[in-house]
């Protein structure tokens, strides 16, 4: 029997967090759109990063009491 080696890589992802204001539960679509519009306008190069399209976004459940939260992956320039 031969021993096999497992190779694992550690990937560190960096995210920008976008968080909206609290909203009425029935207005969740507008809350999400507000965050998406803010993401489109933001240029992460201002802080030395660029968008990272190879890693997943993280979208938390829209909850009115805390606002909509979405994390967008970035990478260092």
PDB file of N, CA and C in Angstrom:
ATOM      1  N   UNK A   1       0.835  -1.172   0.000  1.00  0.00           N
ATOM      2  CA  UNK A   1       0.000   0.000   0.000  1.00  0.00           C
ATOM      3  C   UNK A   1       0.887   1.246   0.000  1.00  0.00           C
ATOM      4  N   UNK A   2       0.572   2.154  -0.896  1.00  0.00           N
ATOM      5  CA  UNK A   2       1.339   3.388  -0.981  1.00  0.00           C
ATOM      6  C   UNK A   2       0.655   4.504  -0.215  1.00  0.00           C
ATOM      7  N   UNK A   3       1.461   5.301   0.382  1.00  0.00           N
ATOM      8  CA  UNK A   3       0.923   6.480   1.061  1.00  0.00           C
ATOM      9  C   UNK A   3       0.732   7.589   0.031  1.00  0.00           C
ATOM     10  N   UNK A   4      -0.304   8.315   0.172  1.00  0.00           N
ATOM     11  CA  UNK A   4      -0.519   9.436  -0.747  1.00  0.00           C
ATOM     12  C   UNK A   4      -0.463  10.742   0.030  1.00  0.00           C
ATOM     13  N   UNK A   5      -0.043  11.752  -0.655  1.00  0.00           N
ATOM     14  CA  UNK A   5       0.037  13.068  -0.037  1.00  0.00           C
ATOM     15  C   UNK A   5      -1.156  13.894  -0.479  1.00  0.00           C
ATOM     16  N   UNK A   6      -1.706  14.579   0.446  1.00  0.00           N
ATOM     17  CA  UNK A   6      -2.764  15.518   0.108  1.00  0.00           C
ATOM     18  C   UNK A   6      -2.174  16.911   0.090  1.00  0.00           C
ATOM     19  N   UNK A   7      -2.474  17.613  -0.963  1.00  0.00           N
ATOM     20  CA  UNK A   7      -1.998  18.984  -1.079  1.00  0.00           C
ATOM     21  C   UNK A   7      -3.192  19.895  -0.844  1.00  0.00           C
ATOM     22  N   UNK A   8      -3.046  20.754   0.084  1.00  0.00           N
ATOM     23  CA  UNK A   8      -4.131  21.718   0.313  1.00  0.00           C
ATOM     24  C   UNK A   8      -3.541  23.120   0.247  1.00  0.00           C
ATOM     25  N   UNK A   9      -4.328  23.997  -0.253  1.00  0.00           N
ATOM     26  CA  UNK A   9      -3.891  25.381  -0.363  1.00  0.00           C
ATOM     27  C   UNK A   9      -4.791  26.246   0.511  1.00  0.00           C
ATOM     28  N   UNK A  10      -4.214  27.214   1.110  1.00  0.00           N
ATOM     29  CA  UNK A  10      -4.967  28.155   1.927  1.00  0.00           C
ATOM     30  C   UNK A  10      -5.186  29.416   1.104  1.00  0.00           C
ATOM     31  N   UNK A  11      -6.440  29.730   0.893  1.00  0.00           N
ATOM     32  CA  UNK A  11      -6.764  30.926   0.134  1.00  0.00           C
ATOM     33  C   UNK A  11      -7.334  31.972   1.067  1.00  0.00           C
ATOM     34  N   UNK A  12      -6.786  33.136   1.001  1.00  0.00           N
ATOM     35  CA  UNK A  12      -7.275  34.242   1.813  1.00  0.00           C
ATOM     36  C   UNK A  12      -7.989  35.222   0.906  1.00  0.00           C
ATOM     37  N   UNK A  13      -9.243  35.437   1.175  1.00  0.00           N
ATOM     38  CA  UNK A  13     -10.021  36.371   0.375  1.00  0.00           C
ATOM     39  C   UNK A  13     -10.255  37.640   1.182  1.00  0.00           C
ATOM     40  N   UNK A  14     -10.297  38.746   0.485  1.00  0.00           N
ATOM     41  CA  UNK A  14     -10.543  40.039   1.105  1.00  0.00           C
ATOM     42  C   UNK A  14     -11.857  40.570   0.552  1.00  0.00           C
ATOM     43  N   UNK A  15     -12.683  41.095   1.428  1.00  0.00           N
ATOM     44  CA  UNK A  15     -13.999  41.591   1.019  1.00  0.00           C
ATOM     45  C   UNK A  15     -14.216  43.030   1.470  1.00  0.00           C
ATOM     46  N   UNK A  16     -14.965  43.766   0.665  1.00  0.00           N
ATOM     47  CA  UNK A  16     -15.506  45.053   1.087  1.00  0.00           C
ATOM     48  C   UNK A  16     -16.942  44.799   1.526  1.00  0.00           C
ATOM     49  N   UNK A  17     -17.320  45.374   2.645  1.00  0.00           N
ATOM     50  CA  UNK A  17     -18.660  45.190   3.169  1.00  0.00           C
ATOM     51  C   UNK A  17     -19.499  46.428   2.850  1.00  0.00           C
ATOM     52  N   UNK A  18     -20.647  46.198   2.236  1.00  0.00           N
ATOM     53  CA  UNK A  18     -21.614  47.252   1.977  1.00  0.00           C
ATOM     54  C   UNK A  18     -22.829  46.969   2.847  1.00  0.00           C
ATOM     55  N   UNK A  19     -23.239  47.982   3.604  1.00  0.00           N
ATOM     56  CA  UNK A  19     -24.382  47.797   4.512  1.00  0.00           C
ATOM     57  C   UNK A  19     -25.329  48.977   4.376  1.00  0.00           C
ATOM     58  N   UNK A  20     -26.587  48.661   4.120  1.00  0.00           N
ATOM     59  CA  UNK A  20     -27.598  49.704   3.992  1.00  0.00           C
ATOM     60  C   UNK A  20     -28.243  50.038   5.318  1.00  0.00           C
ATOM     61  N   UNK A  21     -29.077  51.046   5.260  1.00  0.00           N
ATOM     62  CA  UNK A  21     -29.841  51.476   6.433  1.00  0.00           C
ATOM     63  C   UNK A  21     -30.956  50.469   6.727  1.00  0.00           C
ATOM     64  N   UNK A  22     -31.433  50.431   7.963  1.00  0.00           N
ATOM     65  CA  UNK A  22     -32.595  49.595   8.260  1.00  0.00           C
ATOM     66  C   UNK A  22     -33.775  49.993   7.359  1.00  0.00           C
ATOM     67  N   UNK A  23     -34.654  49.021   7.077  1.00  0.00           N
ATOM     68  CA  UNK A  23     -35.759  49.268   6.158  1.00  0.00           C
ATOM     69  C   UNK A  23     -36.993  48.488   6.597  1.00  0.00           C
ATOM     70  N   UNK A  24     -38.141  48.898   6.081  1.00  0.00           N
ATOM     71  CA  UNK A  24     -39.378  48.155   6.322  1.00  0.00           C
ATOM     72  C   UNK A  24     -39.292  46.855   5.532  1.00  0.00           C
ATOM     73  N   UNK A  25     -39.694  45.755   6.143  1.00  0.00           N
ATOM     74  CA  UNK A  25     -39.555  44.434   5.507  1.00  0.00           C
ATOM     75  C   UNK A  25     -40.122  44.384   4.093  1.00  0.00           C
ATOM     76  N   UNK A  26     -41.227  45.065   3.856  1.00  0.00           N
ATOM     77  CA  UNK A  26     -41.837  45.027   2.520  1.00  0.00           C
ATOM     78  C   UNK A  26     -41.021  45.797   1.476  1.00  0.00           C
ATOM     79  N   UNK A  27     -40.015  46.567   1.923  1.00  0.00           N
ATOM     80  CA  UNK A  27     -39.180  47.350   1.010  1.00  0.00           C
ATOM     81  C   UNK A  27     -37.822  46.697   0.752  1.00  0.00           C
ATOM     82  N   UNK A  28     -37.729  45.387   0.927  1.00  0.00           N
ATOM     83  CA  UNK A  28     -36.428  44.723   0.806  1.00  0.00           C
ATOM     84  C   UNK A  28     -35.816  44.848  -0.583  1.00  0.00           C
ATOM     85  N   UNK A  29     -36.635  44.847  -1.640  1.00  0.00           N
ATOM     86  CA  UNK A  29     -36.082  44.966  -3.000  1.00  0.00           C
ATOM     87  C   UNK A  29     -35.388  46.314  -3.189  1.00  0.00           C
ATOM     88  N   UNK A  30     -35.983  47.380  -2.693  1.00  0.00           N
ATOM     89  CA  UNK A  30     -35.375  48.707  -2.786  1.00  0.00           C
ATOM     90  C   UNK A  30     -34.072  48.758  -1.976  1.00  0.00           C
ATOM     91  N   UNK A  31     -34.045  48.080  -0.838  1.00  0.00           N
ATOM     92  CA  UNK A  31     -32.840  48.058  -0.003  1.00  0.00           C
ATOM     93  C   UNK A  31     -31.690  47.363  -0.728  1.00  0.00           C
ATOM     94  N   UNK A  32     -31.987  46.271  -1.409  1.00  0.00           N
ATOM     95  CA  UNK A  32     -30.958  45.556  -2.168  1.00  0.00           C
ATOM     96  C   UNK A  32     -30.474  46.411  -3.331  1.00  0.00           C
ATOM     97  N   UNK A  33     -31.404  47.023  -4.051  1.00  0.00           N
ATOM     98  CA  UNK A  33     -31.044  47.873  -5.194  1.00  0.00           C
ATOM     99  C   UNK A  33     -30.160  49.031  -4.756  1.00  0.00           C
ATOM    100  N   UNK A  34     -30.443  49.597  -3.591  1.00  0.00           N
ATOM    101  CA  UNK A  34     -29.636  50.698  -3.071  1.00  0.00           C
ATOM    102  C   UNK A  34     -28.171  50.269  -2.888  1.00  0.00           C
ATOM    103  N   UNK A  35     -27.968  49.082  -2.348  1.00  0.00           N
ATOM    104  CA  UNK A  35     -26.605  48.580  -2.142  1.00  0.00           C
ATOM    105  C   UNK A  35     -25.940  48.289  -3.484  1.00  0.00           C
ATOM    106  N   UNK A  36     -26.660  47.657  -4.397  1.00  0.00           N
ATOM    107  CA  UNK A  36     -26.079  47.355  -5.711  1.00  0.00           C
ATOM    108  C   UNK A  36     -25.676  48.631  -6.440  1.00  0.00           C
ATOM    109  N   UNK A  37     -26.488  49.689  -6.321  1.00  0.00           N
ATOM    110  CA  UNK A  37     -26.149  50.966  -6.950  1.00  0.00           C
ATOM    111  C   UNK A  37     -24.884  51.559  -6.322  1.00  0.00           C
ATOM    112  N   UNK A  38     -24.769  51.452  -5.005  1.00  0.00           N
ATOM    113  CA  UNK A  38     -23.570  51.954  -4.318  1.00  0.00           C
ATOM    114  C   UNK A  38     -22.328  51.190  -4.759  1.00  0.00           C
ATOM    115  N   UNK A  39     -22.447  49.873  -4.931  1.00  0.00           N
ATOM    116  CA  UNK A  39     -21.312  49.059  -5.384  1.00  0.00           C
ATOM    117  C   UNK A  39     -20.852  49.494  -6.773  1.00  0.00           C
ATOM    118  N   UNK A  40     -21.803  49.767  -7.657  1.00  0.00           N
ATOM    119  CA  UNK A  40     -21.466  50.177  -9.025  1.00  0.00           C
ATOM    120  C   UNK A  40     -20.708  51.494  -9.047  1.00  0.00           C
ATOM    121  N   UNK A  41     -21.015  52.386  -8.111  1.00  0.00           N
ATOM    122  CA  UNK A  41     -20.391  53.710  -8.066  1.00  0.00           C
ATOM    123  C   UNK A  41     -19.017  53.697  -7.382  1.00  0.00           C
ATOM    124  N   UNK A  42     -18.774  52.701  -6.556  1.00  0.00           N
ATOM    125  CA  UNK A  42     -17.543  52.695  -5.758  1.00  0.00           C
ATOM    126  C   UNK A  42     -16.353  52.192  -6.561  1.00  0.00           C
ATOM    127  N   UNK A  43     -15.232  52.872  -6.424  1.00  0.00           N
ATOM    128  CA  UNK A  43     -13.997  52.471  -7.084  1.00  0.00           C
ATOM    129  C   UNK A  43     -12.999  52.038  -6.012  1.00  0.00           C
ATOM    130  N   UNK A  44     -12.747  50.735  -5.862  1.00  0.00           N
ATOM    131  CA  UNK A  44     -11.848  50.270  -4.803  1.00  0.00           C
ATOM    132  C   UNK A  44     -10.380  50.628  -5.038  1.00  0.00           C
ATOM    133  N   UNK A  45     -10.040  51.137  -6.221  1.00  0.00           N
ATOM    134  CA  UNK A  45      -8.654  51.546  -6.477  1.00  0.00           C
ATOM    135  C   UNK A  45      -8.242  52.682  -5.548  1.00  0.00           C
ATOM    136  N   UNK A  46      -9.215  53.432  -5.063  1.00  0.00           N
ATOM    137  CA  UNK A  46      -8.966  54.526  -4.122  1.00  0.00           C
ATOM    138  C   UNK A  46      -8.243  54.031  -2.867  1.00  0.00           C
ATOM    139  N   UNK A  47      -8.490  52.783  -2.487  1.00  0.00           N
ATOM    140  CA  UNK A  47      -7.855  52.221  -1.290  1.00  0.00           C
ATOM    141  C   UNK A  47      -6.839  51.125  -1.641  1.00  0.00           C
ATOM    142  N   UNK A  48      -6.436  51.058  -2.937  1.00  0.00           N
ATOM    143  CA  UNK A  48      -5.395  50.116  -3.338  1.00  0.00           C
ATOM    144  C   UNK A  48      -5.871  48.719  -3.703  1.00  0.00           C
ATOM    145  N   UNK A  49      -7.145  48.580  -4.077  1.00  0.00           N
ATOM    146  CA  UNK A  49      -7.700  47.282  -4.442  1.00  0.00           C
ATOM    147  C   UNK A  49      -8.414  47.369  -5.786  1.00  0.00           C
ATOM    148  N   UNK A  50      -8.752  46.201  -6.321  1.00  0.00           N
ATOM    149  CA  UNK A  50      -9.620  46.135  -7.496  1.00  0.00           C
ATOM    150  C   UNK A  50     -10.594  44.992  -7.277  1.00  0.00           C
ATOM    151  N   UNK A  51     -11.699  45.031  -8.016  1.00  0.00           N
ATOM    152  CA  UNK A  51     -12.718  43.989  -7.872  1.00  0.00           C
ATOM    153  C   UNK A  51     -12.128  42.632  -8.224  1.00  0.00           C
ATOM    154  N   UNK A  52     -12.536  41.599  -7.509  1.00  0.00           N
ATOM    155  CA  UNK A  52     -12.062  40.236  -7.733  1.00  0.00           C
ATOM    156  C   UNK A  52     -13.238  39.385  -8.210  1.00  0.00           C
ATOM    157  N   UNK A  53     -13.365  39.249  -9.515  1.00  0.00           N
ATOM    158  CA  UNK A  53     -14.486  38.507 -10.102  1.00  0.00           C
ATOM    159  C   UNK A  53     -14.335  36.991 -10.012  1.00  0.00           C
ATOM    160  N   UNK A  54     -13.199  36.516  -9.510  1.00  0.00           N
ATOM    161  CA  UNK A  54     -12.978  35.068  -9.435  1.00  0.00           C
ATOM    162  C   UNK A  54     -13.458  34.462  -8.115  1.00  0.00           C
ATOM    163  N   UNK A  55     -13.813  35.302  -7.175  1.00  0.00           N
ATOM    164  CA  UNK A  55     -14.290  34.819  -5.884  1.00  0.00           C
ATOM    165  C   UNK A  55     -15.751  35.213  -5.690  1.00  0.00           C
ATOM    166  N   UNK A  56     -16.458  34.485  -4.845  1.00  0.00           N
ATOM    167  CA  UNK A  56     -17.901  34.722  -4.693  1.00  0.00           C
ATOM    168  C   UNK A  56     -18.234  35.944  -3.841  1.00  0.00           C
ATOM    169  N   UNK A  57     -19.363  36.532  -4.155  1.00  0.00           N
ATOM    170  CA  UNK A  57     -19.951  37.559  -3.300  1.00  0.00           C
ATOM    171  C   UNK A  57     -20.635  36.846  -2.142  1.00  0.00           C
ATOM    172  N   UNK A  58     -20.812  37.556  -1.063  1.00  0.00           N
ATOM    173  CA  UNK A  58     -21.554  37.014   0.075  1.00  0.00           C
ATOM    174  C   UNK A  58     -22.735  37.943   0.307  1.00  0.00           C
ATOM    175  N   UNK A  59     -23.923  37.400   0.189  1.00  0.00           N
ATOM    176  CA  UNK A  59     -25.147  38.180   0.365  1.00  0.00           C
ATOM    177  C   UNK A  59     -25.896  37.642   1.583  1.00  0.00           C
ATOM    178  N   UNK A  60     -26.018  38.479   2.597  1.00  0.00           N
ATOM    179  CA  UNK A  60     -26.744  38.063   3.784  1.00  0.00           C
ATOM    180  C   UNK A  60     -28.240  38.284   3.580  1.00  0.00           C
ATOM    181  N   UNK A  61     -29.012  37.521   4.283  1.00  0.00           N
ATOM    182  CA  UNK A  61     -30.464  37.637   4.197  1.00  0.00           C
ATOM    183  C   UNK A  61     -30.890  39.081   4.478  1.00  0.00           C
ATOM    184  N   UNK A  62     -31.719  39.654   3.593  1.00  0.00           N
ATOM    185  CA  UNK A  62     -32.196  41.015   3.859  1.00  0.00           C
ATOM    186  C   UNK A  62     -33.078  41.024   5.112  1.00  0.00           C
ATOM    187  N   UNK A  63     -32.664  41.756   6.123  1.00  0.00           N
ATOM    188  CA  UNK A  63     -33.442  41.867   7.362  1.00  0.00           C
ATOM    189  C   UNK A  63     -33.575  43.344   7.693  1.00  0.00           C
ATOM    190  N   UNK A  64     -34.807  43.770   7.776  1.00  0.00           N
ATOM    191  CA  UNK A  64     -35.097  45.186   7.950  1.00  0.00           C
ATOM    192  C   UNK A  64     -34.434  45.851   9.140  1.00  0.00           C
ATOM    193  N   UNK A  65     -34.344  45.137  10.252  1.00  0.00           N
ATOM    194  CA  UNK A  65     -33.811  45.768  11.469  1.00  0.00           C
ATOM    195  C   UNK A  65     -32.317  46.076  11.400  1.00  0.00           C
ATOM    196  N   UNK A  66     -31.577  45.407  10.522  1.00  0.00           N
ATOM    197  CA  UNK A  66     -30.135  45.665  10.447  1.00  0.00           C
ATOM    198  C   UNK A  66     -29.708  46.244   9.113  1.00  0.00           C
ATOM    199  N   UNK A  67     -30.607  46.240   8.114  1.00  0.00           N
ATOM    200  CA  UNK A  67     -30.239  46.708   6.782  1.00  0.00           C
ATOM    201  C   UNK A  67     -29.699  45.548   5.952  1.00  0.00           C
ATOM    202  N   UNK A  68     -29.625  45.759   4.652  1.00  0.00           N
ATOM    203  CA  UNK A  68     -29.103  44.719   3.759  1.00  0.00           C
ATOM    204  C   UNK A  68     -27.580  44.771   3.780  1.00  0.00           C
ATOM    205  N   UNK A  69     -26.942  43.604   3.812  1.00  0.00           N
ATOM    206  CA  UNK A  69     -25.488  43.510   3.863  1.00  0.00           C
ATOM    207  C   UNK A  69     -25.007  42.622   2.734  1.00  0.00           C
ATOM    208  N   UNK A  70     -24.011  43.115   2.022  1.00  0.00           N
ATOM    209  CA  UNK A  70     -23.387  42.324   0.962  1.00  0.00           C
ATOM    210  C   UNK A  70     -21.875  42.544   1.020  1.00  0.00           C
ATOM    211  N   UNK A  71     -21.124  41.456   0.873  1.00  0.00           N
ATOM    212  CA  UNK A  71     -19.664  41.537   0.843  1.00  0.00           C
ATOM    213  C   UNK A  71     -19.202  41.226  -0.573  1.00  0.00           C
ATOM    214  N   UNK A  72     -18.326  42.102  -1.084  1.00  0.00           N
ATOM    215  CA  UNK A  72     -17.856  41.981  -2.462  1.00  0.00           C
ATOM    216  C   UNK A  72     -16.351  41.722  -2.429  1.00  0.00           C
ATOM    217  N   UNK A  73     -15.872  40.681  -3.135  1.00  0.00           N
ATOM    218  CA  UNK A  73     -14.448  40.348  -3.085  1.00  0.00           C
ATOM    219  C   UNK A  73     -13.591  41.357  -3.843  1.00  0.00           C
ATOM    220  N   UNK A  74     -12.429  41.639  -3.266  1.00  0.00           N
ATOM    221  CA  UNK A  74     -11.442  42.530  -3.881  1.00  0.00           C
ATOM    222  C   UNK A  74     -10.075  41.887  -3.757  1.00  0.00           C
ATOM    223  N   UNK A  75      -9.124  42.392  -4.545  1.00  0.00           N
ATOM    224  CA  UNK A  75      -7.738  41.939  -4.406  1.00  0.00           C
ATOM    225  C   UNK A  75      -6.820  43.139  -4.479  1.00  0.00           C
ATOM    226  N   UNK A  76      -5.689  43.038  -3.821  1.00  0.00           N
ATOM    227  CA  UNK A  76      -4.694  44.109  -3.764  1.00  0.00           C
ATOM    228  C   UNK A  76      -4.132  44.375  -5.148  1.00  0.00           C
ATOM    229  N   UNK A  77      -3.937  45.644  -5.454  1.00  0.00           N
ATOM    230  CA  UNK A  77      -3.345  46.008  -6.756  1.00  0.00           C
ATOM    231  C   UNK A  77      -1.838  45.862  -6.668  1.00  0.00           C
TER     232      UNK A  77
END
